[in-house]
Protein backbone atom coordinates (compact mmCIF):
# COMPACT_ATOMS: atom_id res chain seq x y z
CA MET A 1 74.35 24.35 -14.39
CA PRO A 2 72.45 24.23 -11.13
CA PHE A 3 69.86 26.72 -10.45
CA GLN A 4 70.54 29.05 -8.14
CA ALA A 5 67.35 30.61 -6.00
CA LYS A 6 67.43 34.09 -5.16
CA CYS A 7 65.34 35.23 -2.15
CA MET A 8 61.93 37.02 -3.15
CA SER A 9 61.93 40.33 -2.68
CA ALA A 10 59.15 42.47 -1.83
CA GLN A 11 58.56 43.96 -4.64
CA MET A 12 57.59 40.64 -6.29
CA ARG A 13 55.61 39.07 -3.58
CA SER A 14 53.43 42.20 -3.90
CA ARG A 15 52.28 41.33 -6.92
CA ILE A 16 51.33 37.66 -6.05
CA PRO A 17 46.79 37.90 -5.22
CA ALA A 18 45.82 38.11 -1.59
CA PRO A 19 44.33 34.75 -0.73
CA LEU A 20 41.00 34.38 -0.47
CA PRO A 21 39.28 33.93 2.71
CA GLY A 22 39.64 30.47 4.56
CA GLU A 23 42.71 29.84 1.92
CA SER A 24 46.34 29.11 3.10
CA ARG A 25 48.89 30.54 0.26
CA VAL A 26 51.99 28.11 -0.45
CA LEU A 27 54.80 29.03 -3.20
CA LEU A 28 56.32 26.24 -4.92
CA GLY A 29 58.88 25.67 -7.09
CA THR A 30 62.03 24.14 -8.53
CA GLY A 31 65.82 23.88 -7.13
CA SER A 32 68.87 21.86 -5.99
CA GLY A 33 69.24 19.70 -2.94
CA THR A 34 67.25 17.07 -1.29
CA LEU A 35 63.94 16.24 0.26
CA ASP A 36 65.03 14.17 2.97
CA SER A 37 63.97 16.62 6.00
CA GLY A 38 60.78 17.67 4.41
CA PRO A 39 59.31 21.08 3.73
CA VAL A 40 58.77 23.79 6.28
CA PHE A 41 56.54 26.54 5.54
CA GLN A 42 57.43 30.23 7.26
CA ARG A 43 55.05 33.80 6.18
CA GLY A 44 53.79 32.20 3.15
CA LYS A 45 57.18 30.78 1.62
CA LEU A 46 58.51 27.04 1.15
CA LYS A 47 61.87 25.96 2.72
CA ILE A 48 63.13 22.97 1.73
CA ALA A 49 66.26 21.40 3.84
CA GLY A 50 69.38 22.23 1.73
CA MET A 51 67.87 24.55 -0.55
CA ALA A 52 67.14 28.52 -0.52
CA GLU A 53 63.73 29.80 -0.62
CA ILE A 54 62.21 29.55 -3.73
CA GLY A 55 62.54 32.02 -6.25
CA PRO A 56 59.86 34.38 -7.79
CA ARG A 57 60.43 33.39 -11.70
CA HIS A 58 59.63 29.11 -10.71
CA ALA A 59 57.19 30.19 -8.16
CA SER A 60 53.53 28.99 -8.44
CA VAL A 61 50.19 29.78 -6.38
CA VAL A 62 48.70 26.66 -4.87
CA ARG A 63 45.07 27.30 -3.38
CA LYS A 64 44.04 25.01 -0.21
CA ARG A 65 40.33 24.90 -0.54
CA SER A 66 38.18 25.69 2.27
CA THR A 67 36.00 23.00 3.16
CA LYS A 68 32.88 25.38 3.37
CA THR A 69 30.19 24.17 0.98
CA PRO A 70 29.82 27.32 -1.57
CA VAL A 71 25.93 28.50 -1.25
CA TYR A 72 25.15 27.95 -4.90
CA ILE A 73 26.11 23.84 -4.67
CA LEU A 74 23.33 23.51 -1.38
CA VAL A 75 21.05 25.16 -3.41
CA VAL A 76 21.30 22.61 -6.41
CA LEU A 77 21.74 19.73 -3.76
CA PHE A 78 18.07 21.47 -2.79
CA LEU A 79 16.02 20.71 -5.83
CA LEU A 80 17.25 17.36 -6.71
CA VAL A 81 15.82 16.02 -3.33
CA PRO A 82 11.78 14.65 -4.01
CA ILE A 83 9.40 17.54 -4.07
CA THR A 84 7.74 16.33 -0.49
CA SER A 85 9.25 15.95 3.07
CA TRP A 86 6.46 14.72 4.45
CA ALA A 87 4.27 10.37 4.32
CA VAL A 88 2.54 9.32 1.31
CA SER A 89 1.23 6.18 0.06
CA PHE A 90 3.52 6.32 -2.91
CA ASP A 91 6.92 7.04 -4.41
CA CYS A 92 6.95 10.84 -5.16
CA GLU A 93 9.48 10.49 -7.51
CA LYS A 94 7.47 8.05 -9.33
CA ALA A 95 4.40 10.44 -9.53
CA ALA A 96 2.87 9.64 -13.13
CA THR A 97 -0.27 11.48 -12.90
CA ALA A 98 -0.90 15.12 -12.19
CA VAL A 99 -3.96 14.20 -8.91
CA GLU A 100 -0.38 12.45 -7.83
CA ARG A 101 1.68 15.13 -8.41
CA LEU A 102 -0.89 17.43 -6.62
CA ILE A 103 -0.86 15.16 -3.56
CA CYS A 104 3.24 15.42 -3.47
CA SER A 105 3.10 19.10 -3.77
CA ASP A 106 0.60 19.56 -1.06
CA ARG A 107 1.32 19.07 2.51
CA GLU A 108 -2.34 18.38 3.94
CA LEU A 109 -2.79 16.47 0.67
CA GLY A 110 -0.11 14.29 1.51
CA ALA A 111 -1.49 13.74 5.04
CA LEU A 112 -4.74 12.52 3.37
CA ASP A 113 -3.13 10.22 1.08
CA ASP A 114 -1.30 8.87 4.31
CA ALA A 115 -4.46 8.61 6.57
CA THR A 116 -6.38 7.02 3.84
CA SER A 117 -3.68 4.24 3.04
CA ALA A 118 -3.95 3.90 6.98
CA ALA A 119 -7.41 3.28 7.02
CA TYR A 120 -7.80 1.13 3.94
CA LYS A 121 -4.89 -1.07 5.46
CA GLU A 122 -6.89 -1.33 9.03
CA ALA A 123 -10.05 -2.50 6.86
CA LEU A 124 -7.84 -5.13 5.16
CA LYS A 125 -6.94 -7.02 8.32
CA SER A 126 -10.95 -8.24 8.69
CA LYS A 127 -11.91 -11.46 7.24
CA GLY A 128 -13.46 -12.04 4.10
CA GLN A 129 -12.34 -8.27 2.89
CA ASP A 130 -9.11 -8.96 0.61
CA GLU A 131 -10.91 -9.87 -2.80
CA ILE A 132 -13.81 -7.27 -2.29
CA LEU A 133 -11.71 -4.17 -1.05
CA VAL A 134 -8.88 -4.69 -2.86
CA HIS A 135 -11.14 -4.78 -5.95
CA ASP A 136 -13.37 -1.65 -4.44
CA GLN A 137 -10.20 0.49 -3.97
CA LYS A 138 -8.66 0.24 -7.06
CA VAL A 139 -12.14 1.49 -8.46
CA TRP A 140 -12.29 4.24 -6.29
CA LEU A 141 -8.46 5.55 -7.34
CA LYS A 142 -9.61 4.96 -10.84
CA ASP A 143 -12.83 6.33 -10.98
CA THR A 144 -13.58 8.84 -8.08
CA ARG A 145 -10.11 9.94 -6.96
CA GLY A 146 -8.63 9.90 -10.58
CA ALA A 147 -11.37 12.21 -11.47
CA CYS A 148 -10.33 15.23 -9.55
CA ARG A 149 -8.66 18.01 -11.27
CA ASP A 150 -7.80 20.13 -8.19
CA ALA A 151 -6.76 20.28 -4.98
CA GLY A 152 -9.96 20.89 -3.28
CA CYS A 153 -11.88 18.17 -5.14
CA ILE A 154 -8.86 15.79 -3.86
CA LYS A 155 -9.45 16.75 -0.61
CA LYS A 156 -13.21 16.07 -0.38
CA VAL A 157 -12.83 12.70 -1.98
CA TYR A 158 -10.02 11.81 0.65
CA SER A 159 -12.01 12.86 3.62
CA GLU A 160 -15.44 10.90 1.93
CA ARG A 161 -12.86 7.86 1.61
CA ILE A 162 -11.35 7.38 5.14
CA GLU A 163 -14.98 7.79 6.72
CA GLU A 164 -15.97 4.96 4.24
CA LEU A 165 -13.26 2.70 4.91
CA ARG A 166 -13.06 3.45 8.91
CA SER A 167 -16.97 1.98 8.85
CA TRP A 168 -16.13 -0.89 6.47
CA ASN A 169 -16.30 -3.48 8.81
CA ARG A 170 -19.17 -2.44 10.63
CA ASP A 171 -22.00 -4.83 11.10
CA VAL A 172 -25.05 -3.52 10.15
CA ALA A 173 -27.37 -6.62 10.17
CA ASN A 174 -30.33 -4.67 11.98
CA SER A 175 -30.53 -2.33 8.88
CA LYS A 176 -32.73 -5.37 7.12
CA ASP A 177 -31.68 -3.93 3.50
CA TYR A 178 -29.34 -6.79 2.50
CA PHE A 179 -32.23 -9.45 1.47
CA GLY A 180 -31.15 -10.98 -2.03
CA VAL A 181 -29.23 -12.86 -4.21
CA TYR A 182 -25.52 -12.65 -4.19
CA VAL A 183 -23.29 -14.29 -6.63
CA ILE A 184 -19.54 -14.71 -7.04
CA LYS A 185 -18.10 -15.91 -10.29
CA ASP A 186 -14.80 -17.92 -10.20
CA LYS A 187 -12.30 -20.12 -11.69
CA ILE A 188 -11.73 -23.56 -10.42
CA LEU A 189 -9.74 -26.50 -11.76
CA VAL A 190 -11.44 -29.84 -12.33
CA TYR A 191 -9.47 -32.74 -12.63
CA ASP A 192 -10.03 -34.84 -16.30
CA GLY A 193 -9.23 -38.18 -15.98
CA ASP A 194 -9.84 -39.06 -19.71
CA ARG A 195 -6.95 -36.29 -20.13
CA ASP A 196 -5.22 -36.99 -17.35
CA ARG A 197 -4.53 -33.14 -16.42
CA TRP A 198 -6.34 -30.38 -14.44
CA GLU A 199 -8.38 -28.27 -16.46
CA PRO A 200 -10.29 -24.70 -15.52
CA LYS A 201 -13.77 -24.27 -14.85
CA GLU A 202 -16.00 -21.21 -14.78
CA VAL A 203 -18.22 -21.40 -11.45
CA GLU A 204 -20.46 -19.43 -9.66
CA ASN A 205 -21.19 -19.53 -5.86
CA CYS A 206 -24.36 -17.68 -4.30
CA LEU A 207 -26.21 -16.52 -0.88
CA ALA A 208 -29.57 -15.56 -0.25
CA LEU A 209 -31.31 -14.24 2.37
CA ALA A 210 -34.44 -13.75 3.43
CA PRO A 211 -36.86 -12.29 6.18
CA ASP A 212 -38.13 -14.81 8.59
CA GLY A 213 -39.96 -12.85 11.59
CA GLU A 214 -38.47 -10.07 13.35
CA ASN A 215 -35.16 -11.36 14.17
CA SER A 216 -34.42 -14.41 12.29
CA VAL A 217 -33.26 -14.92 8.50
CA LYS A 218 -33.62 -17.44 6.30
CA PHE A 219 -30.13 -17.96 4.17
CA SER A 220 -28.97 -20.94 1.74
CA PHE A 221 -25.42 -20.79 0.55
CA VAL A 222 -23.47 -22.77 -2.39
CA LEU A 223 -19.86 -22.51 -2.46
CA ILE A 224 -17.94 -24.32 -4.84
CA HIS A 225 -13.99 -25.42 -4.56
CA THR A 226 -11.46 -27.50 -6.61
CA ASN A 227 -12.65 -30.17 -8.29
CA GLY A 228 -16.24 -29.55 -7.15
CA HIS A 229 -16.46 -29.84 -4.02
CA GLN A 230 -18.83 -27.72 -2.42
CA CYS A 231 -20.51 -26.43 0.74
CA GLN A 232 -24.06 -26.48 0.84
CA MET A 233 -26.15 -24.98 4.15
CA ASP A 234 -29.42 -23.94 4.69
CA GLY A 235 -31.29 -22.71 7.75
CA VAL A 236 -32.84 -20.02 9.52
CA ALA A 237 -30.38 -17.47 11.76
CA THR A 238 -31.10 -15.20 14.64
CA LEU A 239 -29.74 -11.93 14.87
CA VAL A 240 -27.40 -11.58 17.87
CA GLY A 241 -25.93 -8.09 18.44
CA ASN A 242 -25.55 -6.86 15.12
CA HIS A 243 -24.61 -10.30 13.41
CA LEU A 244 -26.55 -13.66 12.18
CA GLU A 245 -26.06 -16.81 13.83
CA PHE A 246 -27.00 -20.47 13.11
CA ARG A 247 -26.96 -23.93 14.64
CA PRO A 248 -28.27 -27.29 13.58
CA PRO A 249 -31.93 -27.62 15.16
CA SER A 250 -32.66 -30.42 16.99
CA GLU A 251 -35.28 -31.98 14.72
CA GLN A 252 -31.97 -32.61 11.78
CA GLY A 253 -31.24 -35.14 14.23
CA PRO A 254 -27.33 -33.76 14.69
CA SER A 255 -24.89 -35.68 16.36
CA GLU A 256 -23.11 -33.71 19.42
CA GLU A 257 -20.08 -33.09 17.64
CA GLN A 258 -22.74 -31.37 15.04
CA ASN A 259 -24.20 -29.51 17.55
CA GLN A 260 -20.24 -27.78 17.42
CA CYS A 261 -21.41 -26.05 14.57
CA LEU A 262 -21.56 -22.53 14.58
CA LEU A 263 -22.27 -20.34 11.88
CA ARG A 264 -21.95 -16.76 11.88
CA ILE A 265 -23.03 -14.25 9.07
CA LYS A 266 -21.53 -10.70 9.42
CA VAL A 267 -23.48 -8.38 7.04
CA ARG A 268 -21.45 -5.06 6.54
CA LYS A 269 -22.23 -2.16 5.05
CA HIS A 270 -20.12 -3.17 1.54
CA SER A 271 -19.62 -7.06 2.32
CA ILE A 272 -21.46 -10.30 4.02
CA ILE A 273 -19.09 -12.55 5.34
CA LEU A 274 -19.18 -15.96 6.43
CA GLU A 275 -17.49 -17.25 9.34
CA ASP A 276 -16.69 -20.58 10.42
CA ASN A 277 -14.38 -20.30 13.20
CA GLU A 278 -14.40 -23.87 14.67
CA LEU A 279 -14.40 -25.15 10.97
CA MET A 280 -17.28 -27.53 12.52
CA CYS A 281 -20.07 -26.57 10.05
CA ARG A 282 -17.27 -27.47 7.31
CA THR A 283 -17.09 -30.90 8.57
CA TYR A 284 -20.25 -31.94 8.09
CA TYR A 285 -21.18 -29.62 5.40
CA CYS A 286 -18.60 -29.46 2.66
CA GLY A 287 -16.91 -31.62 0.33
CA ALA A 288 -13.03 -32.49 1.37
CA ARG A 289 -11.53 -29.85 -0.79
CA ALA A 290 -14.06 -27.09 0.45
CA GLY A 291 -14.67 -24.94 3.20
CA ILE A 292 -16.35 -22.20 4.37
CA ASP A 293 -14.78 -19.97 6.45
CA GLY A 294 -13.77 -16.37 5.35
CA TRP A 295 -16.03 -16.35 2.44
CA GLY A 296 -17.06 -12.48 1.19
CA PHE A 297 -19.53 -11.53 -0.96
CA ASP A 298 -19.55 -7.89 -2.50
CA ARG A 299 -23.13 -5.97 -1.54
CA LYS A 300 -22.88 -4.67 -4.90
CA HIS A 301 -22.91 -8.41 -6.67
CA LYS A 302 -26.78 -8.64 -6.06
CA VAL A 303 -28.35 -10.27 -8.51
CA GLU A 304 -32.22 -11.01 -10.01
CA LYS A 305 -31.69 -14.72 -9.95
CA ALA A 306 -28.63 -17.00 -9.66
CA LYS A 307 -28.02 -20.29 -11.32
CA ASP A 308 -28.34 -22.62 -8.57
CA GLU A 309 -31.68 -23.20 -7.34
CA ALA A 310 -31.09 -23.63 -4.15
CA CYS A 311 -29.70 -20.01 -3.65
CA ASN A 312 -33.14 -18.87 -5.80
CA ALA A 313 -35.11 -20.81 -3.20
CA PHE A 314 -35.75 -17.75 -0.46
CA SER A 315 -35.39 -15.29 -3.28
CA LYS A 316 -38.70 -15.42 -4.14
CA GLY A 317 -40.98 -12.55 -3.74
CA ILE A 318 -38.35 -10.61 -3.00
CA ARG A 319 -38.23 -7.08 -4.22
CA GLN A 320 -34.47 -6.26 -5.89
CA PRO A 321 -33.36 -2.85 -5.14
CA ALA A 322 -31.74 -1.33 -8.49
CA THR A 323 -28.67 -1.91 -9.29
CA LYS A 324 -26.55 1.17 -9.40
């Protein structure tokens, strides 16, 4: 027998809980008739074409949720975001050490970290700094910054590092405290004809600097490249501003093209860089696979004596500072 819906009495309607703020109330049920003309809402009741109002026995309450996000959800979302909203040079979500976590939790430390990173990238732009500075930065991160246990220590070492990096490429040839012998140990490939293959070989590149009067410096270097091709130069460079320059002297009988060779030796606080901007020195002082421009010697790598006698020739009698 088809269900006959009855109108809901005022008494029965009063038993339905009042809608929550931001909700609308719809009463649903079952009954005879068709749904062709769709539902009609009136005063919280549901009317369907061909049907009476839905009765209380088959009524249910459907709550239409508010579009407002509950406060507790916002709090949870806030706690899930990274702990820092300021710039740092690394991903705080991957912070692995106590120092990194301190940096991520302190706005001032984050700013210092970002400034240090910017100074480091700027210093790297200078020719010949790649290997020297990259290695020095890794050592600093591990041994200096990594030794800190509180925010005060981190602030101190960051401030000192920023000043050091900003002066990293400053020419200091006037200081006269750089005389000595420097070496770079490297591995090159040498072709073995008997075995018809390339073999690695450890070599030592060297640079010697010694005083020669008030504004001049004796120099000698040997740079070894692939298959043993070398660059060898020696002479007397003149102080020009804050760097040293060398052109082949006329008594060596250079050709007009060879006179275009201009070697610059840039002495900096932490490194010594060789520059051959026009590559003309390379043409006359290097083998086919060798080059001069951009070679950098770390000033920490000063030795008493190099293996190559060419680098030791001008260094005799030079008092070597104690290595730190």
